[in-house]
Amino acid sequence: MENKWDKSIVINAPIETIWHYLDGSLENMQKIMPNVVDNQPVNITDNVIGSVHRQSYREGKRVMEYDVHTLDYNNQDDYKKLKIGFTLAKMFQIEGCYELTKESDSVTTLRYTGSNKPLKWYMKPFVLLSGDKVVKDFLERVKRVAEGKE
């Protein structure tokens, strides 16, 4: 049993502007993911796929650390894709995929697909309770930041 998401949003910003928040510096990443407090390269491959970053995430007073693996990567002028996967607290296997499609010089569609799979039987109810509100909120934040409204 796992939770899956597939949501899209149209953003009035160039594809490169949005890409810098997903595939750029920690400072840029924190604008759309404020709870990420660190993102250090562990192993970087030539074609990016297979690269690993150690990421730290603050939830309240607690900071969790995990290794984020790049599973797929595409960086073209009119289409960009970043697919990542990580295990959170040895309890959840999480995958997320960000796809950017250039609609025009100033309009981009961001599609987010993802999954959250519990690794322990007693975590299954938590997955059932987690709706897609977090994903919708994230896409709205990316839109506000990329359009300069936040």
Protein backbone atom coordinates (compact mmCIF):
# COMPACT_ATOMS: atom_id res chain seq x y z
CA MET A 1 0.00 0.00 0.00
CA GLU A 2 1.30 3.41 -0.93
CA ASN A 3 -0.01 6.89 -1.48
CA LYS A 4 0.49 8.32 -4.98
CA TRP A 5 0.18 11.87 -6.28
CA ASP A 6 -0.05 13.39 -9.74
CA LYS A 7 -0.69 17.14 -9.77
CA SER A 8 0.08 19.92 -12.24
CA ILE A 9 0.08 23.69 -12.12
CA VAL A 10 0.64 26.38 -14.75
CA ILE A 11 3.18 28.99 -13.66
CA ASN A 12 3.65 32.38 -15.29
CA ALA A 13 7.44 32.23 -15.26
CA PRO A 14 10.17 31.00 -17.64
CA ILE A 15 11.17 27.34 -17.35
CA GLU A 16 14.74 28.26 -16.27
CA THR A 17 13.45 30.39 -13.38
CA ILE A 18 11.53 27.45 -11.90
CA TRP A 19 14.35 24.98 -12.62
CA HIS A 20 16.78 27.00 -10.46
CA TYR A 21 14.58 26.33 -7.42
CA LEU A 22 14.64 22.57 -8.04
CA ASP A 23 18.16 22.04 -9.37
CA GLY A 24 20.08 24.92 -7.90
CA SER A 25 21.65 26.13 -4.70
CA LEU A 26 20.43 25.36 -1.18
CA GLU A 27 19.40 29.01 -0.87
CA ASN A 28 17.14 28.72 -3.94
CA MET A 29 15.77 25.34 -2.82
CA GLN A 30 14.84 26.78 0.59
CA LYS A 31 12.59 29.36 -1.09
CA ILE A 32 10.23 26.56 -2.13
CA MET A 33 11.18 24.00 0.58
CA PRO A 34 11.87 26.11 3.69
CA ASN A 35 12.23 23.08 5.99
CA VAL A 36 15.29 21.80 4.09
CA VAL A 37 18.17 23.08 6.22
CA ASP A 38 21.09 21.43 4.42
CA ASN A 39 21.81 19.70 1.10
CA GLN A 40 25.37 18.40 0.71
CA PRO A 41 26.69 16.37 -2.24
CA VAL A 42 27.84 12.86 -1.26
CA ASN A 43 28.43 11.40 -4.72
CA ILE A 44 27.94 13.30 -7.99
CA THR A 45 27.89 11.40 -11.28
CA ASP A 46 28.73 12.83 -14.71
CA ASN A 47 25.18 12.42 -16.04
CA VAL A 48 23.57 13.37 -12.66
CA ILE A 49 21.53 10.13 -12.52
CA GLY A 50 22.82 8.14 -9.57
CA SER A 51 24.03 11.22 -7.71
CA VAL A 52 23.43 11.34 -3.96
CA HIS A 53 22.91 14.35 -1.69
CA ARG A 54 22.65 14.20 2.10
CA GLN A 55 19.71 16.38 3.00
CA SER A 56 18.62 17.65 6.42
CA TYR A 57 14.98 18.51 7.06
CA ARG A 58 13.60 20.33 10.10
CA GLU A 59 10.23 19.23 11.44
CA GLY A 60 9.50 21.32 14.54
CA LYS A 61 12.56 21.01 16.79
CA ARG A 62 13.72 17.75 15.22
CA VAL A 63 16.14 17.58 12.27
CA MET A 64 16.10 14.43 10.13
CA GLU A 65 18.91 13.50 7.78
CA TYR A 66 18.58 11.22 4.76
CA ASP A 67 20.27 10.50 1.44
CA VAL A 68 18.45 11.73 -1.66
CA HIS A 69 19.18 9.67 -4.78
CA THR A 70 18.71 11.17 -8.26
CA LEU A 71 16.76 8.51 -10.18
CA ASP A 72 16.14 10.40 -13.44
CA TYR A 73 17.35 13.70 -14.84
CA ASN A 74 16.67 15.63 -18.04
CA ASN A 75 17.73 19.22 -18.69
CA GLN A 76 16.62 20.38 -22.14
CA ASP A 77 15.55 23.88 -23.17
CA ASP A 78 11.83 23.05 -23.33
CA TYR A 79 11.56 20.08 -20.92
CA LYS A 80 13.23 19.39 -17.60
CA LYS A 81 12.84 16.46 -15.23
CA LEU A 82 14.22 15.65 -11.80
CA LYS A 83 13.19 12.39 -10.12
CA ILE A 84 14.44 11.68 -6.62
CA GLY A 85 14.02 8.95 -4.04
CA PHE A 86 14.87 8.57 -0.37
CA THR A 87 14.05 6.60 2.75
CA LEU A 88 12.75 8.68 5.64
CA ALA A 89 13.49 7.49 9.20
CA LYS A 90 13.66 3.86 7.99
CA MET A 91 9.84 4.01 7.86
CA PHE A 92 8.87 5.46 4.48
CA GLN A 93 10.21 5.05 0.94
CA ILE A 94 9.47 8.32 -0.84
CA GLU A 95 9.81 9.21 -4.52
CA GLY A 96 9.15 12.56 -6.13
CA CYS A 97 9.33 13.63 -9.75
CA TYR A 98 9.29 17.24 -10.96
CA GLU A 99 8.63 17.75 -14.66
CA LEU A 100 8.76 21.19 -16.27
CA THR A 101 7.32 21.77 -19.73
CA LYS A 102 7.89 25.08 -21.51
CA GLU A 103 4.55 26.36 -22.85
CA SER A 104 5.99 29.71 -23.99
CA ASP A 105 8.87 32.01 -23.03
CA SER A 106 6.95 33.10 -19.93
CA VAL A 107 4.66 30.15 -19.12
CA THR A 108 5.68 26.75 -17.74
CA THR A 109 3.70 23.72 -16.58
CA LEU A 110 5.03 22.01 -13.46
CA ARG A 111 3.87 18.42 -12.95
CA TYR A 112 4.65 16.69 -9.69
CA THR A 113 4.23 12.94 -9.34
CA GLY A 114 5.22 11.09 -6.23
CA SER A 115 4.66 8.20 -3.90
CA ASN A 116 4.99 7.44 -0.20
CA LYS A 117 5.30 3.77 0.72
CA PRO A 118 5.39 2.65 4.37
CA LEU A 119 8.20 0.22 5.17
CA LYS A 120 6.70 -0.88 8.51
CA TRP A 121 3.21 -2.38 8.79
CA TYR A 122 2.24 -0.09 11.66
CA MET A 123 2.91 3.01 9.53
CA LYS A 124 0.23 2.13 6.94
CA PRO A 125 -2.53 4.13 8.72
CA PHE A 126 -0.35 7.26 8.55
CA VAL A 127 -0.02 6.87 4.78
CA LEU A 128 -3.78 6.48 4.48
CA LEU A 129 -4.30 9.70 6.45
CA SER A 130 -1.86 11.75 4.38
CA GLY A 131 -3.86 13.45 1.66
CA ASP A 132 -2.73 15.49 -1.30
CA LYS A 133 -3.03 18.84 0.52
CA VAL A 134 0.75 18.91 1.10
CA VAL A 135 1.36 18.46 -2.64
CA LYS A 136 -1.17 21.15 -3.59
CA ASP A 137 0.36 23.55 -1.05
CA PHE A 138 3.85 22.84 -2.42
CA LEU A 139 2.81 23.54 -6.02
CA GLU A 140 1.10 26.77 -4.96
CA ARG A 141 4.28 27.85 -3.11
CA VAL A 142 6.44 27.17 -6.19
CA LYS A 143 4.00 29.22 -8.28
CA ARG A 144 4.05 32.16 -5.83
CA VAL A 145 7.85 32.14 -5.51
CA ALA A 146 8.51 31.76 -9.26
CA GLU A 147 6.00 34.50 -10.11
CA GLY A 148 7.63 36.82 -7.56
CA LYS A 149 4.61 36.92 -5.22
CA GLU A 150 6.44 35.56 -2.17
